[in-house]
PDB file of all heavy atoms in Angstrom:
ATOM      1  N   ALA A   1      -9.831  -0.626   0.265  1.00  0.00           N
ATOM      2  CA  ALA A   1     -10.240  -0.535   1.634  1.00  0.00           C
ATOM      3  C   ALA A   1      -9.450   0.478   2.358  1.00  0.00           C
ATOM      4  O   ALA A   1      -9.921   1.193   3.294  1.00  0.00           O
ATOM      5  CB  ALA A   1     -10.061  -2.011   2.317  1.00  0.00           C
ATOM      6  N   MET A   2      -8.083   0.727   2.101  1.00  0.00           N
ATOM      7  CA  MET A   2      -7.280   1.620   2.810  1.00  0.00           C
ATOM      8  C   MET A   2      -7.743   3.011   2.554  1.00  0.00           C
ATOM      9  O   MET A   2      -7.183   3.881   3.183  1.00  0.00           O
ATOM     10  CB  MET A   2      -5.871   1.334   2.370  1.00  0.00           C
ATOM     11  CG  MET A   2      -5.152   0.091   3.006  1.00  0.00           C
ATOM     12  SD  MET A   2      -5.140   0.205   4.892  1.00  0.00           S
ATOM     13  CE  MET A   2      -4.550  -1.467   5.193  1.00  0.00           C
ATOM     14  N   ARG A   3      -8.511   3.321   1.669  1.00  0.00           N
ATOM     15  CA  ARG A   3      -9.036   4.666   1.331  1.00  0.00           C
ATOM     16  C   ARG A   3      -9.795   5.118   2.762  1.00  0.00           C
ATOM     17  O   ARG A   3      -9.672   6.349   2.992  1.00  0.00           O
ATOM     18  CB  ARG A   3     -10.012   4.754   0.265  1.00  0.00           C
ATOM     19  CG  ARG A   3      -9.450   4.667  -1.032  1.00  0.00           C
ATOM     20  CD  ARG A   3     -10.505   4.355  -2.187  1.00  0.00           C
ATOM     21  NE  ARG A   3     -11.448   5.461  -2.149  1.00  0.00           N
ATOM     22  CZ  ARG A   3     -12.572   5.362  -2.920  1.00  0.00           C
ATOM     23  NH1 ARG A   3     -12.985   4.257  -3.490  1.00  0.00           N
ATOM     24  NH2 ARG A   3     -13.400   6.457  -2.823  1.00  0.00           N
ATOM     25  N   LEU A   4     -10.327   4.197   3.339  1.00  0.00           N
ATOM     26  CA  LEU A   4     -11.207   4.728   4.677  1.00  0.00           C
ATOM     27  C   LEU A   4     -10.153   5.143   5.745  1.00  0.00           C
ATOM     28  O   LEU A   4     -10.671   5.870   6.566  1.00  0.00           O
ATOM     29  CB  LEU A   4     -11.836   3.455   5.113  1.00  0.00           C
ATOM     30  CG  LEU A   4     -12.911   2.786   4.296  1.00  0.00           C
ATOM     31  CD1 LEU A   4     -13.440   1.484   4.903  1.00  0.00           C
ATOM     32  CD2 LEU A   4     -13.877   3.878   3.972  1.00  0.00           C
ATOM     33  N   PHE A   5      -8.918   4.740   5.674  1.00  0.00           N
ATOM     34  CA  PHE A   5      -7.864   5.163   6.666  1.00  0.00           C
ATOM     35  C   PHE A   5      -7.081   6.294   6.272  1.00  0.00           C
ATOM     36  O   PHE A   5      -6.573   6.933   7.095  1.00  0.00           O
ATOM     37  CB  PHE A   5      -7.107   4.004   7.173  1.00  0.00           C
ATOM     38  CG  PHE A   5      -7.863   2.856   7.590  1.00  0.00           C
ATOM     39  CD1 PHE A   5      -8.276   1.744   6.820  1.00  0.00           C
ATOM     40  CD2 PHE A   5      -8.376   2.710   8.935  1.00  0.00           C
ATOM     41  CE1 PHE A   5      -9.002   0.735   7.213  1.00  0.00           C
ATOM     42  CE2 PHE A   5      -9.103   1.728   9.375  1.00  0.00           C
ATOM     43  CZ  PHE A   5      -9.411   0.692   8.478  1.00  0.00           C
ATOM     44  N   ALA A   6      -6.859   6.517   5.000  1.00  0.00           N
ATOM     45  CA  ALA A   6      -5.791   7.437   4.538  1.00  0.00           C
ATOM     46  C   ALA A   6      -6.395   8.576   3.602  1.00  0.00           C
ATOM     47  O   ALA A   6      -5.615   9.468   3.264  1.00  0.00           O
ATOM     48  CB  ALA A   6      -4.628   6.769   3.848  1.00  0.00           C
ATOM     49  N   GLY A   7      -7.722   8.421   3.275  1.00  0.00           N
ATOM     50  CA  GLY A   7      -8.168   9.295   2.252  1.00  0.00           C
ATOM     51  C   GLY A   7      -7.997  10.792   2.547  1.00  0.00           C
ATOM     52  O   GLY A   7      -7.820  11.530   1.654  1.00  0.00           O
ATOM     53  N   ASN A   8      -8.200  11.196   3.755  1.00  0.00           N
ATOM     54  CA  ASN A   8      -8.330  12.648   4.175  1.00  0.00           C
ATOM     55  C   ASN A   8      -6.889  13.148   4.564  1.00  0.00           C
ATOM     56  O   ASN A   8      -6.876  14.325   4.955  1.00  0.00           O
ATOM     57  CB  ASN A   8      -9.302  12.804   5.235  1.00  0.00           C
ATOM     58  CG  ASN A   8     -10.668  12.676   4.721  1.00  0.00           C
ATOM     59  OD1 ASN A   8     -11.237  13.399   3.732  1.00  0.00           O
ATOM     60  ND2 ASN A   8     -11.523  11.793   5.380  1.00  0.00           N
ATOM     61  N   LEU A   9      -5.931  12.358   4.688  1.00  0.00           N
ATOM     62  CA  LEU A   9      -4.576  12.782   5.134  1.00  0.00           C
ATOM     63  C   LEU A   9      -3.900  13.539   4.019  1.00  0.00           C
ATOM     64  O   LEU A   9      -4.053  13.197   2.826  1.00  0.00           O
ATOM     65  CB  LEU A   9      -3.810  11.529   5.529  1.00  0.00           C
ATOM     66  CG  LEU A   9      -4.327  10.796   6.740  1.00  0.00           C
ATOM     67  CD1 LEU A   9      -3.384   9.544   6.942  1.00  0.00           C
ATOM     68  CD2 LEU A   9      -4.225  11.629   8.041  1.00  0.00           C
ATOM     69  N   PRO A  10      -2.997  14.443   4.341  1.00  0.00           N
ATOM     70  CA  PRO A  10      -2.124  15.055   3.363  1.00  0.00           C
ATOM     71  C   PRO A  10      -1.237  13.859   2.575  1.00  0.00           C
ATOM     72  O   PRO A  10      -0.758  13.046   3.284  1.00  0.00           O
ATOM     73  CB  PRO A  10      -1.061  16.001   4.067  1.00  0.00           C
ATOM     74  CG  PRO A  10      -1.839  16.204   5.385  1.00  0.00           C
ATOM     75  CD  PRO A  10      -2.674  14.843   5.724  1.00  0.00           C
ATOM     76  N   GLY A  11      -1.211  13.885   1.292  1.00  0.00           N
ATOM     77  CA  GLY A  11      -0.662  12.857   0.620  1.00  0.00           C
ATOM     78  C   GLY A  11      -1.336  11.553   0.856  1.00  0.00           C
ATOM     79  O   GLY A  11      -0.657  10.409   0.810  1.00  0.00           O
ATOM     80  N   GLY A  12      -2.570  11.535   0.932  1.00  0.00           N
ATOM     81  CA  GLY A  12      -3.454  10.308   1.313  1.00  0.00           C
ATOM     82  C   GLY A  12      -3.190   9.100   0.534  1.00  0.00           C
ATOM     83  O   GLY A  12      -3.167   8.084   1.055  1.00  0.00           O
ATOM     84  N   VAL A  13      -3.154   9.308  -0.803  1.00  0.00           N
ATOM     85  CA  VAL A  13      -3.050   8.068  -1.720  1.00  0.00           C
ATOM     86  C   VAL A  13      -1.752   7.432  -1.438  1.00  0.00           C
ATOM     87  O   VAL A  13      -1.451   6.275  -1.480  1.00  0.00           O
ATOM     88  CB  VAL A  13      -3.242   8.460  -3.212  1.00  0.00           C
ATOM     89  CG1 VAL A  13      -3.110   7.151  -4.076  1.00  0.00           C
ATOM     90  CG2 VAL A  13      -4.602   9.083  -3.299  1.00  0.00           C
ATOM     91  N   ALA A  14      -0.567   8.309  -1.258  1.00  0.00           N
ATOM     92  CA  ALA A  14       0.758   7.843  -0.938  1.00  0.00           C
ATOM     93  C   ALA A  14       0.891   7.147   0.299  1.00  0.00           C
ATOM     94  O   ALA A  14       1.465   6.079   0.454  1.00  0.00           O
ATOM     95  CB  ALA A  14       1.736   8.916  -1.091  1.00  0.00           C
ATOM     96  N   VAL A  15       0.133   7.606   1.338  1.00  0.00           N
ATOM     97  CA  VAL A  15       0.024   7.003   2.614  1.00  0.00           C
ATOM     98  C   VAL A  15      -0.584   5.674   2.557  1.00  0.00           C
ATOM     99  O   VAL A  15      -0.200   4.708   3.010  1.00  0.00           O
ATOM    100  CB  VAL A  15      -0.626   7.986   3.670  1.00  0.00           C
ATOM    101  CG1 VAL A  15      -0.943   7.279   4.949  1.00  0.00           C
ATOM    102  CG2 VAL A  15       0.277   9.295   3.855  1.00  0.00           C
ATOM    103  N   GLN A  16      -1.749   5.733   1.813  1.00  0.00           N
ATOM    104  CA  GLN A  16      -2.612   4.417   1.546  1.00  0.00           C
ATOM    105  C   GLN A  16      -1.715   3.431   0.944  1.00  0.00           C
ATOM    106  O   GLN A  16      -1.759   2.239   1.290  1.00  0.00           O
ATOM    107  CB  GLN A  16      -3.763   4.915   0.663  1.00  0.00           C
ATOM    108  CG  GLN A  16      -4.500   3.792   0.083  1.00  0.00           C
ATOM    109  CD  GLN A  16      -5.545   4.396  -0.923  1.00  0.00           C
ATOM    110  OE1 GLN A  16      -5.929   5.459  -0.701  1.00  0.00           O
ATOM    111  NE2 GLN A  16      -6.121   3.426  -1.727  1.00  0.00           N
ATOM    112  N   THR A  17      -0.834   3.812  -0.022  1.00  0.00           N
ATOM    113  CA  THR A  17       0.051   2.807  -0.766  1.00  0.00           C
ATOM    114  C   THR A  17       1.004   2.271   0.256  1.00  0.00           C
ATOM    115  O   THR A  17       1.341   1.010   0.198  1.00  0.00           O
ATOM    116  CB  THR A  17       0.804   3.712  -1.839  1.00  0.00           C
ATOM    117  OG1 THR A  17      -0.128   4.184  -2.674  1.00  0.00           O
ATOM    118  CG2 THR A  17       1.706   2.740  -2.569  1.00  0.00           C
ATOM    119  N   THR A  18       1.453   3.035   1.193  1.00  0.00           N
ATOM    120  CA  THR A  18       2.445   2.526   2.155  1.00  0.00           C
ATOM    121  C   THR A  18       1.730   1.526   3.067  1.00  0.00           C
ATOM    122  O   THR A  18       2.293   0.464   3.427  1.00  0.00           O
ATOM    123  CB  THR A  18       3.099   3.690   3.064  1.00  0.00           C
ATOM    124  OG1 THR A  18       3.610   4.670   2.095  1.00  0.00           O
ATOM    125  CG2 THR A  18       4.277   3.173   3.819  1.00  0.00           C
ATOM    126  N   LEU A  19       0.569   1.938   3.494  1.00  0.00           N
ATOM    127  CA  LEU A  19      -0.133   0.933   4.369  1.00  0.00           C
ATOM    128  C   LEU A  19      -0.484  -0.373   3.771  1.00  0.00           C
ATOM    129  O   LEU A  19      -0.245  -1.532   4.233  1.00  0.00           O
ATOM    130  CB  LEU A  19      -1.456   1.610   4.819  1.00  0.00           C
ATOM    131  CG  LEU A  19      -1.318   2.923   5.707  1.00  0.00           C
ATOM    132  CD1 LEU A  19      -2.683   3.482   5.995  1.00  0.00           C
ATOM    133  CD2 LEU A  19      -0.591   2.494   7.090  1.00  0.00           C
ATOM    134  N   VAL A  20      -0.778  -0.365   2.367  1.00  0.00           N
ATOM    135  CA  VAL A  20      -1.037  -1.448   1.588  1.00  0.00           C
ATOM    136  C   VAL A  20       0.263  -2.269   1.445  1.00  0.00           C
ATOM    137  O   VAL A  20       0.333  -3.590   1.565  1.00  0.00           O
ATOM    138  CB  VAL A  20      -1.559  -1.208   0.233  1.00  0.00           C
ATOM    139  CG1 VAL A  20      -1.608  -2.414  -0.658  1.00  0.00           C
ATOM    140  CG2 VAL A  20      -2.941  -0.555   0.382  1.00  0.00           C
ATOM    141  N   ALA A  21       1.396  -1.557   1.277  1.00  0.00           N
ATOM    142  CA  ALA A  21       2.680  -2.204   1.146  1.00  0.00           C
ATOM    143  C   ALA A  21       3.048  -3.034   2.378  1.00  0.00           C
ATOM    144  O   ALA A  21       3.610  -4.120   2.405  1.00  0.00           O
ATOM    145  CB  ALA A  21       3.827  -1.172   0.880  1.00  0.00           C
ATOM    146  N   VAL A  22       2.705  -2.524   3.643  1.00  0.00           N
ATOM    147  CA  VAL A  22       3.016  -3.185   4.911  1.00  0.00           C
ATOM    148  C   VAL A  22       2.115  -4.384   4.989  1.00  0.00           C
ATOM    149  O   VAL A  22       2.754  -5.528   5.298  1.00  0.00           O
ATOM    150  CB  VAL A  22       2.639  -2.226   6.083  1.00  0.00           C
ATOM    151  CG1 VAL A  22       2.770  -2.987   7.347  1.00  0.00           C
ATOM    152  CG2 VAL A  22       3.651  -1.071   6.143  1.00  0.00           C
ATOM    153  N   VAL A  23       0.931  -4.364   4.693  1.00  0.00           N
ATOM    154  CA  VAL A  23       0.068  -5.464   4.709  1.00  0.00           C
ATOM    155  C   VAL A  23       0.569  -6.651   3.735  1.00  0.00           C
ATOM    156  O   VAL A  23       0.524  -7.804   4.079  1.00  0.00           O
ATOM    157  CB  VAL A  23      -1.517  -5.233   4.606  1.00  0.00           C
ATOM    158  CG1 VAL A  23      -2.196  -6.487   4.661  1.00  0.00           C
ATOM    159  CG2 VAL A  23      -1.887  -4.080   5.619  1.00  0.00           C
ATOM    160  N   MET A  24       0.792  -6.163   2.618  1.00  0.00           N
ATOM    161  CA  MET A  24       1.264  -7.172   1.490  1.00  0.00           C
ATOM    162  C   MET A  24       2.543  -7.746   1.735  1.00  0.00           C
ATOM    163  O   MET A  24       2.787  -8.992   1.658  1.00  0.00           O
ATOM    164  CB  MET A  24       1.409  -6.300   0.137  1.00  0.00           C
ATOM    165  CG  MET A  24       0.142  -5.887  -0.382  1.00  0.00           C
ATOM    166  SD  MET A  24      -0.783  -7.321  -1.092  1.00  0.00           S
ATOM    167  CE  MET A  24       0.283  -8.076  -2.335  1.00  0.00           C
ATOM    168  N   ALA A  25       3.505  -6.956   2.513  1.00  0.00           N
ATOM    169  CA  ALA A  25       4.834  -7.578   2.958  1.00  0.00           C
ATOM    170  C   ALA A  25       4.443  -8.602   4.001  1.00  0.00           C
ATOM    171  O   ALA A  25       5.133  -9.680   4.077  1.00  0.00           O
ATOM    172  CB  ALA A  25       5.670  -6.532   3.561  1.00  0.00           C
ATOM    173  N   ALA A  26       3.508  -8.432   4.962  1.00  0.00           N
ATOM    174  CA  ALA A  26       3.191  -9.307   5.995  1.00  0.00           C
ATOM    175  C   ALA A  26       2.503 -10.615   5.427  1.00  0.00           C
ATOM    176  O   ALA A  26       2.480 -11.698   5.947  1.00  0.00           O
ATOM    177  CB  ALA A  26       2.352  -8.734   7.010  1.00  0.00           C
ATOM    178  N   MET A  27       1.890 -10.396   4.222  1.00  0.00           N
ATOM    179  CA  MET A  27       1.238 -11.631   3.575  1.00  0.00           C
ATOM    180  C   MET A  27       2.155 -12.437   2.793  1.00  0.00           C
ATOM    181  O   MET A  27       2.128 -13.711   2.655  1.00  0.00           O
ATOM    182  CB  MET A  27       0.054 -11.090   2.647  1.00  0.00           C
ATOM    183  CG  MET A  27      -1.058 -10.613   3.372  1.00  0.00           C
ATOM    184  SD  MET A  27      -2.495 -10.600   2.179  1.00  0.00           S
ATOM    185  CE  MET A  27      -2.023  -9.295   1.051  1.00  0.00           C
ATOM    186  N   THR A  28       3.199 -11.881   2.060  1.00  0.00           N
ATOM    187  CA  THR A  28       3.998 -12.497   1.102  1.00  0.00           C
ATOM    188  C   THR A  28       5.504 -12.650   1.331  1.00  0.00           C
ATOM    189  O   THR A  28       5.972 -13.769   1.094  1.00  0.00           O
ATOM    190  CB  THR A  28       3.770 -11.780  -0.257  1.00  0.00           C
ATOM    191  OG1 THR A  28       4.387 -10.506  -0.158  1.00  0.00           O
ATOM    192  CG2 THR A  28       2.335 -11.826  -0.681  1.00  0.00           C
ATOM    193  N   GLY A  29       6.098 -11.436   1.790  1.00  0.00           N
ATOM    194  CA  GLY A  29       7.527 -11.599   1.948  1.00  0.00           C
ATOM    195  C   GLY A  29       8.358 -11.578   0.739  1.00  0.00           C
ATOM    196  O   GLY A  29       9.551 -11.720   0.743  1.00  0.00           O
ATOM    197  N   ILE A  30       7.724 -11.249  -0.517  1.00  0.00           N
ATOM    198  CA  ILE A  30       8.401 -11.193  -1.779  1.00  0.00           C
ATOM    199  C   ILE A  30       8.306  -9.875  -2.326  1.00  0.00           C
ATOM    200  O   ILE A  30       7.206  -9.300  -2.312  1.00  0.00           O
ATOM    201  CB  ILE A  30       7.758 -12.224  -2.753  1.00  0.00           C
ATOM    202  CG1 ILE A  30       7.669 -13.489  -2.174  1.00  0.00           C
ATOM    203  CG2 ILE A  30       8.531 -12.240  -3.993  1.00  0.00           C
ATOM    204  CD1 ILE A  30       9.052 -14.164  -1.837  1.00  0.00           C
ATOM    205  N   ILE A  31       9.408  -9.258  -2.627  1.00  0.00           N
ATOM    206  CA  ILE A  31       9.451  -7.812  -3.088  1.00  0.00           C
ATOM    207  C   ILE A  31       9.044  -7.522  -4.470  1.00  0.00           C
ATOM    208  O   ILE A  31       8.295  -6.681  -4.683  1.00  0.00           O
ATOM    209  CB  ILE A  31      10.873  -7.260  -2.894  1.00  0.00           C
ATOM    210  CG1 ILE A  31      11.149  -7.241  -1.225  1.00  0.00           C
ATOM    211  CG2 ILE A  31      11.100  -5.846  -3.419  1.00  0.00           C
ATOM    212  CD1 ILE A  31      12.556  -6.660  -0.923  1.00  0.00           C
ATOM    213  N   GLY A  32       9.618  -8.352  -5.362  1.00  0.00           N
ATOM    214  CA  GLY A  32       9.285  -8.037  -6.868  1.00  0.00           C
ATOM    215  C   GLY A  32       7.906  -7.943  -7.150  1.00  0.00           C
ATOM    216  O   GLY A  32       7.431  -6.945  -7.840  1.00  0.00           O
ATOM    217  N   GLY A  33       7.036  -8.878  -6.831  1.00  0.00           N
ATOM    218  CA  GLY A  33       5.621  -8.847  -7.013  1.00  0.00           C
ATOM    219  C   GLY A  33       4.887  -7.764  -6.362  1.00  0.00           C
ATOM    220  O   GLY A  33       4.061  -7.184  -6.951  1.00  0.00           O
ATOM    221  N   GLU A  34       5.441  -7.421  -5.251  1.00  0.00           N
ATOM    222  CA  GLU A  34       4.765  -6.331  -4.479  1.00  0.00           C
ATOM    223  C   GLU A  34       4.887  -4.988  -5.141  1.00  0.00           C
ATOM    224  O   GLU A  34       3.957  -4.231  -5.291  1.00  0.00           O
ATOM    225  CB  GLU A  34       5.366  -6.137  -3.090  1.00  0.00           C
ATOM    226  CG  GLU A  34       4.542  -5.433  -2.185  1.00  0.00           C
ATOM    227  CD  GLU A  34       5.177  -5.419  -0.765  1.00  0.00           C
ATOM    228  OE1 GLU A  34       5.729  -6.344  -0.302  1.00  0.00           O
ATOM    229  OE2 GLU A  34       4.941  -4.382   0.007  1.00  0.00           O
ATOM    230  N   ILE A  35       6.097  -4.660  -5.782  1.00  0.00           N
ATOM    231  CA  ILE A  35       6.334  -3.389  -6.423  1.00  0.00           C
ATOM    232  C   ILE A  35       5.643  -3.317  -7.721  1.00  0.00           C
ATOM    233  O   ILE A  35       5.030  -2.412  -8.223  1.00  0.00           O
ATOM    234  CB  ILE A  35       7.840  -3.185  -6.669  1.00  0.00           C
ATOM    235  CG1 ILE A  35       8.475  -2.953  -5.425  1.00  0.00           C
ATOM    236  CG2 ILE A  35       8.164  -2.068  -7.576  1.00  0.00           C
ATOM    237  CD1 ILE A  35      10.000  -2.951  -5.455  1.00  0.00           C
ATOM    238  N   VAL A  36       5.558  -4.565  -8.443  1.00  0.00           N
ATOM    239  CA  VAL A  36       4.738  -4.521  -9.689  1.00  0.00           C
ATOM    240  C   VAL A  36       3.221  -4.286  -9.452  1.00  0.00           C
ATOM    241  O   VAL A  36       2.669  -3.639 -10.109  1.00  0.00           O
ATOM    242  CB  VAL A  36       5.043  -6.077 -10.354  1.00  0.00           C
ATOM    243  CG1 VAL A  36       4.028  -6.117 -11.472  1.00  0.00           C
ATOM    244  CG2 VAL A  36       6.493  -6.193 -10.913  1.00  0.00           C
ATOM    245  N   LEU A  37       2.647  -4.977  -8.323  1.00  0.00           N
ATOM    246  CA  LEU A  37       1.321  -4.707  -8.079  1.00  0.00           C
ATOM    247  C   LEU A  37       1.008  -3.306  -7.795  1.00  0.00           C
ATOM    248  O   LEU A  37       0.157  -2.732  -8.185  1.00  0.00           O
ATOM    249  CB  LEU A  37       1.022  -5.720  -6.798  1.00  0.00           C
ATOM    250  CG  LEU A  37       0.647  -7.050  -7.106  1.00  0.00           C
ATOM    251  CD1 LEU A  37       0.407  -7.950  -5.900  1.00  0.00           C
ATOM    252  CD2 LEU A  37      -0.705  -7.181  -7.909  1.00  0.00           C
ATOM    253  N   LEU A  38       1.893  -2.653  -6.899  1.00  0.00           N
ATOM    254  CA  LEU A  38       1.710  -1.246  -6.498  1.00  0.00           C
ATOM    255  C   LEU A  38       1.955  -0.390  -7.783  1.00  0.00           C
ATOM    256  O   LEU A  38       1.093   0.680  -7.827  1.00  0.00           O
ATOM    257  CB  LEU A  38       2.753  -0.861  -5.385  1.00  0.00           C
ATOM    258  CG  LEU A  38       2.427  -1.552  -4.002  1.00  0.00           C
ATOM    259  CD1 LEU A  38       3.583  -1.213  -3.032  1.00  0.00           C
ATOM    260  CD2 LEU A  38       1.100  -1.139  -3.543  1.00  0.00           C
ATOM    261  N   GLY A  39       2.778  -0.701  -8.645  1.00  0.00           N
ATOM    262  CA  GLY A  39       2.912  -0.106  -9.784  1.00  0.00           C
ATOM    263  C   GLY A  39       1.788  -0.096 -10.706  1.00  0.00           C
ATOM    264  O   GLY A  39       1.335   0.926 -11.439  1.00  0.00           O
ATOM    265  N   LEU A  40       1.091  -1.117 -10.795  1.00  0.00           N
ATOM    266  CA  LEU A  40      -0.069  -1.349 -11.494  1.00  0.00           C
ATOM    267  C   LEU A  40      -1.340  -0.674 -10.919  1.00  0.00           C
ATOM    268  O   LEU A  40      -2.291  -0.131 -11.620  1.00  0.00           O
ATOM    269  CB  LEU A  40      -0.429  -2.868 -11.775  1.00  0.00           C
ATOM    270  CG  LEU A  40       0.611  -3.500 -12.773  1.00  0.00           C
ATOM    271  CD1 LEU A  40       0.301  -4.980 -12.699  1.00  0.00           C
ATOM    272  CD2 LEU A  40       0.561  -3.077 -14.081  1.00  0.00           C
TER     273      LEU A  40
END
């Protein structure tokens, strides 16, 4: 879903990854799983 907001920006996929990380942090508060998910 974040492709709609960051797809056309410079470094769009990296920006998209950061936005997802923010929302995931607000959902879970757990770091290890978040990094593994983003890595996958």
